[in-house]
Amino acid sequence: MLQVSSVTKQFGGLKAVDELSFNVKKGTIHSIIGPNGAGKTTLVNMITGVYKVDSGTVFLDGGDITNLATNKLVHRGICRTFQHLEICGNLTVIENVMLGFDKYMDKNILRSCFRAKSILEDEKRYLKRGMHLLDLIGLADFANKEAKNLSYGILKKLEIIRALATTPELMLLDEPVAGLNPKETEEVSELIQTVVADEVTVLLVEHDMKMIMKISDHITVMNFGKKLAEGTPKDVVNNEEVIKAYLGSGALSGR
């Protein structure tokens, strides 16, 4: 579904991503792991149009999407969450979710000003869909609460649901359980697996190795901007180079 071919991103004299290539199969959870500074978030930013690709190509379903603007990528079926929360704190939970439906809604200025029937119908339709998404993850009771008053764990789930509201084919998640406690981590893991069950492909960047090994179908390991290893969770956790560079000899003891 996603083909990343020899992509490179350089900041001054530093190559943050260095001729990296990998493929993501449709309907899978494909994880990207590696030490801090390996280039993982830079890679996500390149795929999603936040950073320009210096060289190399990114394909989605065979079509070239290299350096497409973010708003155009949303219409091609790509969405993402961020390493640091990008939630609108002054909006309610349901209003944040409604932002995800923006690409479908009637945005004509005159019709909006005069509250035309098409505008009201859009709001009603997508409000119902948004409440359904919140209900799926047990957040319906928080729908009318301002996001800034809610816990970090709830906001992490909200960001995923807002991305899901765009009805993506490919969702990129950048450290979705960073800063969460074990219970919240398990809840987000279940949410991600539910997303895949709804036929959304996931590209996941995460440091929580227990979670990665539990839910990933395939893993690409990065180090210093390059691909260090690739394979199933079992392949990766037993790879000596990966153990030396990232996992450590004591990681996931009992594997």
Protein backbone atom coordinates (compact mmCIF):
# COMPACT_ATOMS: atom_id res chain seq x y z
CA MET A 1 0.00 0.00 0.00
CA LEU A 2 2.79 2.41 0.97
CA GLN A 3 6.17 2.26 -0.73
CA VAL A 4 9.00 4.42 0.60
CA SER A 5 11.90 4.33 -1.84
CA SER A 6 15.36 5.68 -0.99
CA VAL A 7 14.07 8.78 0.79
CA THR A 8 16.59 11.23 2.23
CA LYS A 9 16.22 14.32 4.42
CA GLN A 10 19.19 16.48 5.33
CA PHE A 11 19.39 19.35 7.81
CA GLY A 12 22.65 21.18 7.18
CA GLY A 13 25.38 18.57 7.45
CA LEU A 14 23.14 16.02 9.19
CA LYS A 15 21.28 13.33 7.27
CA ALA A 16 18.27 12.67 9.51
CA VAL A 17 16.95 10.07 7.05
CA ASP A 18 19.46 8.46 4.70
CA GLU A 19 18.20 6.61 1.59
CA LEU A 20 15.60 4.68 3.56
CA SER A 21 13.35 2.16 1.82
CA PHE A 22 10.52 -0.06 3.08
CA ASN A 23 7.03 -1.22 2.11
CA VAL A 24 3.82 -1.31 4.15
CA LYS A 25 1.23 -3.95 3.31
CA LYS A 26 -2.46 -3.05 3.32
CA GLY A 27 -4.45 -3.96 6.45
CA THR A 28 -1.40 -4.37 8.71
CA ILE A 29 0.21 -2.63 11.66
CA HIS A 30 3.72 -1.74 10.50
CA SER A 31 5.91 -0.33 13.26
CA ILE A 32 8.99 1.87 13.03
CA ILE A 33 11.35 1.60 16.01
CA GLY A 34 14.82 2.80 16.90
CA PRO A 35 16.80 4.92 19.35
CA ASN A 36 16.04 8.59 19.99
CA GLY A 37 17.39 10.59 17.08
CA ALA A 38 17.14 7.68 14.64
CA GLY A 39 14.96 9.76 12.28
CA LYS A 40 11.56 8.19 12.97
CA THR A 41 9.51 11.37 13.40
CA THR A 42 11.38 13.02 10.52
CA LEU A 43 10.32 10.06 8.37
CA VAL A 44 6.67 10.50 9.37
CA ASN A 45 6.92 14.23 8.63
CA MET A 46 8.30 13.45 5.17
CA ILE A 47 5.52 10.99 4.34
CA THR A 48 2.80 13.39 5.54
CA GLY A 49 4.08 16.51 3.78
CA VAL A 50 5.33 18.40 6.86
CA TYR A 51 8.93 18.14 5.59
CA LYS A 52 10.00 18.12 1.96
CA VAL A 53 11.72 14.96 0.74
CA ASP A 54 15.20 15.93 -0.50
CA SER A 55 15.52 12.82 -2.67
CA GLY A 56 13.68 9.55 -3.12
CA THR A 57 10.01 8.77 -3.71
CA VAL A 58 6.90 7.93 -1.70
CA PHE A 59 4.10 5.96 -3.34
CA LEU A 60 0.57 5.28 -2.07
CA ASP A 61 -1.29 2.51 -3.91
CA GLY A 62 1.17 2.96 -6.78
CA GLY A 63 0.65 6.72 -7.08
CA ASP A 64 3.47 9.18 -6.43
CA ILE A 65 2.65 11.31 -3.36
CA THR A 66 6.16 12.67 -2.77
CA ASN A 67 6.02 16.21 -1.34
CA LEU A 68 2.27 16.57 -1.75
CA ALA A 69 0.78 19.19 0.58
CA THR A 70 -0.78 17.86 3.77
CA ASN A 71 -4.31 18.95 2.82
CA LYS A 72 -4.02 17.04 -0.46
CA LEU A 73 -2.72 13.94 1.32
CA VAL A 74 -5.83 13.92 3.53
CA HIS A 75 -7.93 13.63 0.38
CA ARG A 76 -5.68 10.77 -0.76
CA GLY A 77 -6.56 8.87 2.43
CA ILE A 78 -3.60 9.64 4.73
CA CYS A 79 -3.94 10.99 8.27
CA ARG A 80 -1.67 11.20 11.31
CA THR A 81 -1.30 11.96 14.98
CA PHE A 82 1.62 13.80 16.53
CA GLN A 83 4.34 13.00 19.04
CA HIS A 84 3.19 16.05 21.03
CA LEU A 85 -0.57 16.55 21.31
CA GLU A 86 -2.13 18.83 18.68
CA ILE A 87 -5.56 19.11 20.27
CA CYS A 88 -7.62 22.35 20.24
CA GLY A 89 -7.97 22.85 23.99
CA ASN A 90 -10.61 25.57 23.76
CA LEU A 91 -12.93 23.31 21.76
CA THR A 92 -15.07 20.53 23.17
CA VAL A 93 -14.28 16.89 22.56
CA ILE A 94 -16.98 16.51 19.91
CA GLU A 95 -15.87 19.75 18.21
CA ASN A 96 -12.34 18.35 17.95
CA VAL A 97 -13.73 15.20 16.33
CA MET A 98 -15.83 17.28 13.93
CA LEU A 99 -12.61 18.88 12.63
CA GLY A 100 -11.77 15.48 11.17
CA PHE A 101 -14.90 15.61 8.99
CA ASP A 102 -13.90 18.96 7.49
CA LYS A 103 -12.98 17.59 4.07
CA TYR A 104 -16.54 16.30 3.58
CA MET A 105 -18.54 19.27 4.85
CA ASP A 106 -20.14 22.11 2.89
CA LYS A 107 -17.79 25.07 3.40
CA ASN A 108 -19.48 27.63 1.13
CA ILE A 109 -19.17 31.01 2.90
CA LEU A 110 -22.60 32.36 1.94
CA ARG A 111 -24.44 29.17 2.84
CA SER A 112 -22.55 29.08 6.13
CA CYS A 113 -23.41 32.70 6.99
CA PHE A 114 -27.10 32.17 6.31
CA ARG A 115 -27.19 28.70 7.89
CA ALA A 116 -28.47 27.07 4.73
CA LYS A 117 -30.14 23.68 4.82
CA SER A 118 -27.06 21.92 3.43
CA ILE A 119 -24.94 23.35 6.29
CA LEU A 120 -27.40 22.26 8.96
CA GLU A 121 -27.73 18.81 7.42
CA ASP A 122 -23.95 18.42 7.32
CA GLU A 123 -23.63 19.40 10.97
CA LYS A 124 -26.36 16.98 12.01
CA ARG A 125 -24.95 14.10 9.95
CA TYR A 126 -21.37 14.45 11.13
CA LEU A 127 -22.33 15.19 14.72
CA LYS A 128 -24.05 11.82 14.74
CA ARG A 129 -20.99 10.11 13.22
CA GLY A 130 -18.69 11.85 15.67
CA MET A 131 -20.77 10.74 18.65
CA HIS A 132 -20.69 7.19 17.29
CA LEU A 133 -16.87 7.26 17.19
CA LEU A 134 -16.70 8.61 20.74
CA ASP A 135 -19.13 5.96 21.90
CA LEU A 136 -16.93 3.24 20.41
CA ILE A 137 -14.12 4.13 22.82
CA GLY A 138 -16.20 5.15 25.82
CA LEU A 139 -15.73 8.91 25.49
CA ALA A 140 -19.32 9.88 24.69
CA ASP A 141 -19.83 11.23 28.22
CA PHE A 142 -16.99 13.71 27.61
CA ALA A 143 -18.39 14.99 24.29
CA ASN A 144 -19.32 18.46 25.52
CA LYS A 145 -16.36 19.01 27.84
CA GLU A 146 -13.56 21.35 26.80
CA ALA A 147 -10.48 19.35 25.80
CA LYS A 148 -8.15 21.47 27.98
CA ASN A 149 -9.89 20.15 31.11
CA LEU A 150 -9.34 16.47 30.33
CA SER A 151 -6.56 14.03 31.17
CA TYR A 152 -3.59 13.35 28.91
CA GLY A 153 -4.73 9.77 28.35
CA ILE A 154 -8.16 10.86 27.13
CA LEU A 155 -6.61 13.41 24.79
CA LYS A 156 -4.30 10.79 23.27
CA LYS A 157 -7.35 8.70 22.38
CA LEU A 158 -9.20 11.77 21.16
CA GLU A 159 -6.39 12.59 18.72
CA ILE A 160 -6.62 9.08 17.23
CA ILE A 161 -10.41 9.34 16.91
CA ARG A 162 -10.14 12.76 15.25
CA ALA A 163 -7.72 11.27 12.72
CA LEU A 164 -10.07 8.34 12.19
CA ALA A 165 -12.87 10.81 11.41
CA THR A 166 -11.11 11.61 8.13
CA THR A 167 -11.94 8.01 7.09
CA PRO A 168 -8.33 7.26 6.17
CA GLU A 169 -6.84 4.32 4.36
CA LEU A 170 -3.46 4.86 6.04
CA MET A 171 -3.01 6.23 9.57
CA LEU A 172 0.40 7.26 10.89
CA LEU A 173 0.68 7.29 14.68
CA ASP A 174 3.69 9.01 16.25
CA GLU A 175 4.26 7.69 19.79
CA PRO A 176 0.55 7.32 20.68
CA VAL A 177 1.22 5.88 24.16
CA ALA A 178 4.11 8.14 25.22
CA GLY A 179 3.47 9.36 28.77
CA LEU A 180 0.58 6.98 29.41
CA ASN A 181 0.24 4.59 32.35
CA PRO A 182 -0.10 0.81 31.73
CA LYS A 183 -3.91 0.88 31.77
CA GLU A 184 -4.08 3.77 29.30
CA THR A 185 -1.45 2.10 27.12
CA GLU A 186 -3.55 -1.06 26.95
CA GLU A 187 -6.65 0.98 26.03
CA VAL A 188 -4.83 2.77 23.20
CA SER A 189 -3.38 -0.55 21.99
CA GLU A 190 -6.88 -1.98 21.78
CA LEU A 191 -8.05 1.13 19.92
CA ILE A 192 -5.27 0.77 17.35
CA GLN A 193 -6.15 -2.88 16.82
CA THR A 194 -9.80 -1.89 16.37
CA VAL A 195 -8.77 0.63 13.72
CA VAL A 196 -7.03 -2.14 11.77
CA ALA A 197 -10.10 -4.33 12.14
CA ASP A 198 -11.95 -1.55 10.29
CA GLU A 199 -9.53 -2.00 7.37
CA VAL A 200 -7.28 0.97 8.09
CA THR A 201 -3.56 0.37 7.63
CA VAL A 202 -1.38 1.71 10.46
CA LEU A 203 2.21 2.96 10.39
CA LEU A 204 3.21 3.17 14.05
CA VAL A 205 6.21 4.89 15.67
CA GLU A 206 6.59 3.88 19.31
CA HIS A 207 9.13 3.17 22.07
CA ASP A 208 6.93 0.87 24.16
CA MET A 209 8.43 -2.44 23.09
CA LYS A 210 5.90 -4.66 24.85
CA MET A 211 3.14 -2.94 22.92
CA ILE A 212 5.11 -3.08 19.66
CA MET A 213 5.78 -6.79 19.98
CA LYS A 214 2.16 -7.49 20.88
CA ILE A 215 0.33 -5.68 18.08
CA SER A 216 2.78 -5.33 15.16
CA ASP A 217 2.61 -7.44 12.02
CA HIS A 218 5.91 -6.12 10.68
CA ILE A 219 8.70 -3.92 12.06
CA THR A 220 11.33 -1.70 10.46
CA VAL A 221 14.24 -0.70 12.72
CA MET A 222 16.02 2.62 12.12
CA ASN A 223 19.38 3.77 13.40
CA PHE A 224 21.18 7.00 12.39
CA GLY A 225 18.61 7.56 9.65
CA LYS A 226 19.20 4.20 7.97
CA LYS A 227 17.34 0.89 8.02
CA LEU A 228 19.10 -1.40 10.47
CA ALA A 229 16.78 -4.41 10.24
CA GLU A 230 13.31 -5.49 9.21
CA GLY A 231 10.97 -8.40 9.79
CA THR A 232 8.36 -9.88 12.09
CA PRO A 233 8.44 -9.06 15.81
CA LYS A 234 10.16 -12.39 16.45
CA ASP A 235 12.79 -11.68 13.78
CA VAL A 236 13.54 -8.24 15.18
CA VAL A 237 13.68 -9.11 18.87
CA ASN A 238 16.23 -11.84 18.13
CA ASN A 239 18.36 -9.75 15.77
CA GLU A 240 21.79 -9.22 17.33
CA GLU A 241 22.34 -5.85 15.63
CA VAL A 242 19.00 -4.57 16.92
CA ILE A 243 19.76 -5.83 20.44
CA LYS A 244 23.12 -4.09 20.39
CA ALA A 245 21.90 -0.80 18.94
CA TYR A 246 18.51 -0.44 20.59
CA LEU A 247 16.93 -3.17 22.69
CA GLY A 248 19.85 -4.09 24.93
CA SER A 249 20.62 -7.59 26.17
CA GLY A 250 18.10 -7.30 29.01
CA ALA A 251 15.19 -6.05 26.91
CA LEU A 252 12.10 -8.20 26.80
CA SER A 253 13.73 -10.86 28.95
CA GLY A 254 12.16 -14.23 28.53
CA ARG A 255 11.57 -13.76 24.78
